[in-house]
Amino acid sequence: MKRIVSTTLLLAVLGTGAALADAHGDREAVMKANGGAVRALNGLVTNFDATAVKAQGQILVDNAAKIKAAFAPGTDQNDPGALPAVWTDSAGFTAAADKFGTDAQAVLAATDGPSLKVALAAVNADCGGCHRTYRTPRPPRPAQ
C-alpha cells in the first residue's frame, strides 16, 4: 500500500514538473512567434502586402489570446525569464495582455504602409512595456 501511495505521489510531482516545463516552453514559443511576426511586419511597412500583413497580424492576435493562459497562476516556478510581478500583479499583467490584443487587432485593420507603421508602433510599445515590467533583464552582450 505504501508503495502505491509513494508511486502515485511521485508521478503527481513529476507530472507537475512536466506541466511547469511545458508552461515555460509554451511561453517561449508564443514570444518567439510574436517576435518573428513583428519582424516580418516591419518589413511590410515599406513593401505593403495586405495578405502577408493579415497572416502575420493574425499570429499576433492569436498569441494575444494565449499570453494570459501561458502565465496562469501556478506556472511561476522554474522560469528565469519572468519576474514575480507577472503573478503578484496579475491585474496589471492582464491589462497589458489585453492592450496587446487590442493593438494586434489594429495591425489586421492596416490598409497601407503608414497605417501599419502606426499599428506596429503600438504593438512594439506594448511588448517593450510588458518586458520592462514583467521580464528579467537580459544580461548585457559582450563588447566586440
Protein backbone atom coordinates (compact mmCIF):
# COMPACT_ATOMS: atom_id res chain seq x y z
CA MET A 1 0.00 0.00 0.00
CA LYS A 2 2.83 2.39 0.88
CA ARG A 3 4.44 1.62 -2.47
CA ILE A 4 1.25 2.57 -4.35
CA VAL A 5 0.91 5.83 -2.44
CA SER A 6 4.60 6.67 -2.94
CA THR A 7 4.40 5.91 -6.64
CA THR A 8 1.24 7.99 -7.02
CA LEU A 9 2.85 10.94 -5.21
CA LEU A 10 5.99 10.66 -7.30
CA LEU A 11 4.01 10.62 -10.52
CA ALA A 12 1.99 13.63 -9.38
CA VAL A 13 5.16 15.58 -8.61
CA LEU A 14 6.76 14.59 -11.91
CA GLY A 15 3.58 15.48 -13.76
CA THR A 16 3.53 18.90 -12.12
CA GLY A 17 7.15 19.46 -13.11
CA ALA A 18 6.38 18.49 -16.68
CA ALA A 19 3.38 20.83 -16.75
CA LEU A 20 5.54 23.70 -15.48
CA ALA A 21 8.24 22.93 -18.00
CA ASP A 22 5.55 22.88 -20.69
CA ALA A 23 4.29 26.29 -19.49
CA HIS A 24 7.78 27.73 -19.94
CA GLY A 25 8.10 26.16 -23.38
CA ASP A 26 4.66 27.45 -24.34
CA ARG A 27 5.61 30.97 -23.25
CA GLU A 28 8.85 30.81 -25.22
CA ALA A 29 7.05 29.59 -28.33
CA VAL A 30 4.44 32.37 -28.14
CA MET A 31 7.04 35.08 -27.63
CA LYS A 32 9.30 33.79 -30.41
CA ALA A 33 6.34 33.64 -32.78
CA ASN A 34 5.40 37.21 -31.83
CA GLY A 35 8.96 38.37 -32.48
CA GLY A 36 9.01 36.68 -35.87
CA ALA A 37 5.65 38.18 -36.84
CA VAL A 38 6.74 41.68 -35.78
CA ARG A 39 9.99 41.37 -37.76
CA ALA A 40 8.03 40.29 -40.83
CA LEU A 41 5.52 43.11 -40.37
CA ASN A 42 8.29 45.69 -40.02
CA GLY A 43 9.46 44.67 -43.48
CA LEU A 44 5.94 45.09 -44.83
CA VAL A 45 5.74 48.75 -43.80
CA THR A 46 7.75 49.75 -46.88
CA ASN A 47 6.55 46.92 -49.11
CA PHE A 48 2.90 46.62 -48.08
CA ASP A 49 1.22 43.32 -48.93
CA ALA A 50 -2.26 43.02 -47.44
CA THR A 51 -2.26 39.21 -47.50
CA ALA A 52 1.07 38.97 -45.69
CA VAL A 53 0.02 41.62 -43.16
CA LYS A 54 -3.15 39.68 -42.39
CA ALA A 55 -1.22 36.42 -41.95
CA GLN A 56 1.42 37.91 -39.64
CA GLY A 57 -1.12 40.07 -37.81
CA GLN A 58 -3.27 37.03 -37.16
CA ILE A 59 -0.31 35.38 -35.41
CA LEU A 60 -0.19 38.34 -33.02
CA VAL A 61 -3.96 38.27 -32.45
CA ASP A 62 -3.96 34.51 -31.82
CA ASN A 63 -0.99 34.74 -29.47
CA ALA A 64 -2.51 37.65 -27.56
CA ALA A 65 -5.25 35.23 -26.54
CA LYS A 66 -2.63 32.71 -25.38
CA ILE A 67 -0.47 35.03 -23.28
CA LYS A 68 -2.69 35.08 -20.20
CA ALA A 69 -3.05 31.30 -20.22
CA ALA A 70 0.69 30.84 -20.66
CA PHE A 71 1.28 32.87 -17.49
CA ALA A 72 -1.61 31.42 -15.50
CA PRO A 73 -1.41 31.20 -11.70
CA GLY A 74 0.77 28.31 -10.59
CA THR A 75 3.08 28.45 -13.61
CA ASP A 76 5.63 30.69 -11.93
CA GLN A 77 8.19 28.06 -10.97
CA ASN A 78 11.40 27.49 -12.90
CA ASP A 79 11.15 30.43 -15.28
CA PRO A 80 14.24 32.59 -15.06
CA GLY A 81 12.86 34.99 -17.68
CA ALA A 82 9.72 36.06 -15.84
CA LEU A 83 9.65 38.37 -12.85
CA PRO A 84 7.35 37.52 -9.91
CA ALA A 85 5.32 40.62 -10.80
CA VAL A 86 3.63 38.60 -13.55
CA TRP A 87 1.80 36.71 -10.82
CA THR A 88 1.77 39.25 -7.96
CA ASP A 89 0.39 41.99 -10.25
CA SER A 90 -1.95 39.80 -12.23
CA ALA A 91 -4.39 42.67 -12.85
CA GLY A 92 -1.64 44.78 -14.42
CA PHE A 93 -0.33 41.85 -16.43
CA THR A 94 -3.83 41.01 -17.66
CA ALA A 95 -4.40 44.64 -18.66
CA ALA A 96 -1.10 44.67 -20.56
CA ALA A 97 -2.00 41.44 -22.36
CA ASP A 98 -5.45 42.80 -23.24
CA LYS A 99 -3.94 46.02 -24.62
CA PHE A 100 -1.55 43.97 -26.75
CA GLY A 101 -4.56 42.06 -28.12
CA THR A 102 -6.39 45.26 -28.99
CA ASP A 103 -3.33 46.73 -30.66
CA ALA A 104 -2.73 43.48 -32.55
CA GLN A 105 -6.25 43.83 -33.96
CA ALA A 106 -5.24 47.25 -35.31
CA VAL A 107 -2.47 45.55 -37.29
CA LEU A 108 -5.14 43.48 -39.04
CA ALA A 109 -7.02 46.67 -39.89
CA ALA A 110 -3.98 48.31 -41.54
CA THR A 111 -4.68 49.27 -45.14
CA ASP A 112 -1.29 50.61 -46.18
CA GLY A 113 2.30 51.08 -45.01
CA PRO A 114 1.66 54.22 -42.93
CA SER A 115 -1.31 52.71 -41.06
CA LEU A 116 0.70 49.53 -40.47
CA LYS A 117 3.59 51.60 -39.12
CA VAL A 118 1.27 53.28 -36.60
CA ALA A 119 -0.24 49.96 -35.53
CA LEU A 120 3.21 48.37 -35.17
CA ALA A 121 4.43 51.27 -33.04
CA ALA A 122 1.66 50.50 -30.56
CA VAL A 123 2.42 46.75 -30.60
CA ASN A 124 6.14 47.40 -30.11
CA ALA A 125 5.37 49.74 -27.21
CA ASP A 126 3.17 47.04 -25.65
CA CYS A 127 5.94 44.45 -25.94
CA GLY A 128 8.59 46.77 -24.56
CA GLY A 129 6.44 47.95 -21.67
CA CYS A 130 5.49 44.44 -20.67
CA HIS A 131 9.08 43.20 -20.90
CA ARG A 132 10.36 46.12 -18.80
CA THR A 133 7.78 45.39 -16.11
CA TYR A 134 7.42 41.62 -16.14
CA ARG A 135 10.59 40.15 -17.64
CA THR A 136 14.02 39.78 -16.11
CA PRO A 137 16.58 41.99 -17.79
CA ARG A 138 18.81 40.20 -20.25
CA PRO A 139 22.50 40.25 -19.43
CA PRO A 140 24.44 42.79 -21.49
CA ARG A 141 26.04 41.49 -24.64
CA PRO A 142 29.81 41.31 -24.54
CA ALA A 143 31.62 44.08 -26.40
CA GLN A 144 33.11 43.01 -29.70
